[in-house]
Amino acid sequence: MNERDARLRAQLPALLDARPGLGIAQVHQDVIAGNHRYILPDLQRLG
């Protein structure tokens, strides 16, 4: 796991709070798959 992946994994709880309509499995699957187009704005907003 590279540093970027580690940072994304660390943000999962905050991402779930930011997107309560998505389940943990879906968010985690998208992070692993590299589907960050909808996650990146949240990560930037969270700092």
N, C-alpha and C. Protein backbone atom coordinates (compact mmCIF):
# COMPACT_ATOMS: atom_id res chain seq x y z
N MET A 1 0.85 -1.18 0.00
CA MET A 1 0.00 0.00 0.00
C MET A 1 0.90 1.24 0.00
N ASN A 2 0.64 2.14 -0.92
CA ASN A 2 1.46 3.35 -0.96
C ASN A 2 0.89 4.42 -0.03
N GLU A 3 1.62 5.52 0.06
CA GLU A 3 1.23 6.58 1.00
C GLU A 3 -0.14 7.17 0.66
N ARG A 4 -0.43 7.31 -0.63
CA ARG A 4 -1.72 7.86 -1.04
C ARG A 4 -2.87 6.94 -0.61
N ASP A 5 -2.70 5.64 -0.82
CA ASP A 5 -3.72 4.69 -0.41
C ASP A 5 -3.92 4.71 1.10
N ALA A 6 -2.82 4.81 1.83
CA ALA A 6 -2.91 4.85 3.30
C ALA A 6 -3.70 6.09 3.74
N ARG A 7 -3.46 7.23 3.09
CA ARG A 7 -4.20 8.44 3.45
C ARG A 7 -5.68 8.28 3.14
N LEU A 8 -5.99 7.68 2.00
CA LEU A 8 -7.40 7.48 1.63
C LEU A 8 -8.09 6.54 2.61
N ARG A 9 -7.40 5.48 2.97
CA ARG A 9 -7.98 4.54 3.94
C ARG A 9 -8.23 5.24 5.28
N ALA A 10 -7.31 6.10 5.67
CA ALA A 10 -7.45 6.81 6.94
C ALA A 10 -8.65 7.76 6.91
N GLN A 11 -9.06 8.19 5.72
CA GLN A 11 -10.18 9.12 5.59
C GLN A 11 -11.54 8.42 5.50
N LEU A 12 -11.56 7.11 5.45
CA LEU A 12 -12.83 6.40 5.25
C LEU A 12 -13.92 6.80 6.26
N PRO A 13 -13.63 6.86 7.56
CA PRO A 13 -14.72 7.24 8.48
C PRO A 13 -15.29 8.62 8.18
N ALA A 14 -14.43 9.57 7.87
CA ALA A 14 -14.91 10.92 7.55
C ALA A 14 -15.70 10.91 6.24
N LEU A 15 -15.25 10.11 5.28
CA LEU A 15 -15.98 10.03 4.01
C LEU A 15 -17.37 9.45 4.22
N LEU A 16 -17.48 8.48 5.09
CA LEU A 16 -18.80 7.90 5.36
C LEU A 16 -19.71 8.93 6.00
N ASP A 17 -19.15 9.76 6.89
CA ASP A 17 -19.94 10.81 7.50
C ASP A 17 -20.38 11.83 6.45
N ALA A 18 -19.47 12.11 5.50
CA ALA A 18 -19.77 13.11 4.48
C ALA A 18 -20.77 12.58 3.45
N ARG A 19 -20.79 11.26 3.27
CA ARG A 19 -21.68 10.65 2.28
C ARG A 19 -22.46 9.52 2.95
N PRO A 20 -23.40 9.87 3.82
CA PRO A 20 -24.10 8.84 4.60
C PRO A 20 -24.94 7.89 3.75
N GLY A 21 -25.22 8.26 2.50
CA GLY A 21 -26.01 7.39 1.64
C GLY A 21 -25.24 6.18 1.15
N LEU A 22 -23.92 6.22 1.27
CA LEU A 22 -23.09 5.11 0.80
C LEU A 22 -22.69 4.22 1.97
N GLY A 23 -22.70 2.94 1.73
CA GLY A 23 -22.27 2.00 2.76
C GLY A 23 -20.76 1.89 2.80
N ILE A 24 -20.25 1.39 3.91
CA ILE A 24 -18.80 1.21 4.08
C ILE A 24 -18.23 0.34 2.97
N ALA A 25 -18.93 -0.69 2.59
CA ALA A 25 -18.40 -1.60 1.56
C ALA A 25 -18.25 -0.88 0.23
N GLN A 26 -19.23 -0.04 -0.13
CA GLN A 26 -19.16 0.67 -1.41
C GLN A 26 -18.04 1.69 -1.41
N VAL A 27 -17.92 2.45 -0.33
CA VAL A 27 -16.86 3.46 -0.27
C VAL A 27 -15.51 2.77 -0.29
N HIS A 28 -15.36 1.71 0.50
CA HIS A 28 -14.09 1.00 0.56
C HIS A 28 -13.75 0.40 -0.79
N GLN A 29 -14.73 -0.20 -1.44
CA GLN A 29 -14.52 -0.79 -2.77
C GLN A 29 -14.09 0.28 -3.77
N ASP A 30 -14.72 1.43 -3.72
CA ASP A 30 -14.36 2.50 -4.64
C ASP A 30 -12.96 3.02 -4.37
N VAL A 31 -12.59 3.12 -3.10
CA VAL A 31 -11.24 3.57 -2.76
C VAL A 31 -10.21 2.56 -3.28
N ILE A 32 -10.46 1.28 -3.04
CA ILE A 32 -9.53 0.25 -3.50
C ILE A 32 -9.44 0.24 -5.03
N ALA A 33 -10.58 0.42 -5.69
CA ALA A 33 -10.61 0.38 -7.15
C ALA A 33 -10.03 1.65 -7.78
N GLY A 34 -9.83 2.68 -6.97
CA GLY A 34 -9.28 3.91 -7.49
C GLY A 34 -10.33 4.83 -8.09
N ASN A 35 -11.59 4.61 -7.74
CA ASN A 35 -12.66 5.47 -8.25
C ASN A 35 -12.84 6.66 -7.32
N HIS A 36 -11.95 7.62 -7.46
CA HIS A 36 -11.91 8.72 -6.49
C HIS A 36 -12.58 9.99 -7.01
N ARG A 37 -13.23 9.93 -8.18
CA ARG A 37 -13.74 11.19 -8.72
C ARG A 37 -14.76 11.83 -7.80
N TYR A 38 -15.56 11.05 -7.10
CA TYR A 38 -16.53 11.66 -6.19
C TYR A 38 -15.98 11.78 -4.78
N ILE A 39 -14.90 11.08 -4.49
CA ILE A 39 -14.31 11.12 -3.15
C ILE A 39 -13.35 12.30 -3.01
N LEU A 40 -12.60 12.60 -4.06
CA LEU A 40 -11.58 13.63 -3.95
C LEU A 40 -12.10 14.99 -3.49
N PRO A 41 -13.24 15.47 -3.97
CA PRO A 41 -13.74 16.75 -3.44
C PRO A 41 -13.97 16.70 -1.93
N ASP A 42 -14.45 15.56 -1.43
CA ASP A 42 -14.66 15.42 0.00
C ASP A 42 -13.33 15.43 0.74
N LEU A 43 -12.33 14.73 0.20
CA LEU A 43 -11.02 14.71 0.85
C LEU A 43 -10.43 16.11 0.89
N GLN A 44 -10.57 16.85 -0.19
CA GLN A 44 -10.04 18.21 -0.22
C GLN A 44 -10.77 19.09 0.78
N ARG A 45 -12.06 18.90 0.89
CA ARG A 45 -12.85 19.70 1.82
C ARG A 45 -12.46 19.38 3.26
N LEU A 46 -12.18 18.09 3.51
CA LEU A 46 -11.81 17.66 4.86
C LEU A 46 -10.39 18.06 5.21
N GLY A 47 -9.59 18.38 4.20
CA GLY A 47 -8.21 18.78 4.46
C GLY A 47 -7.34 17.59 4.40
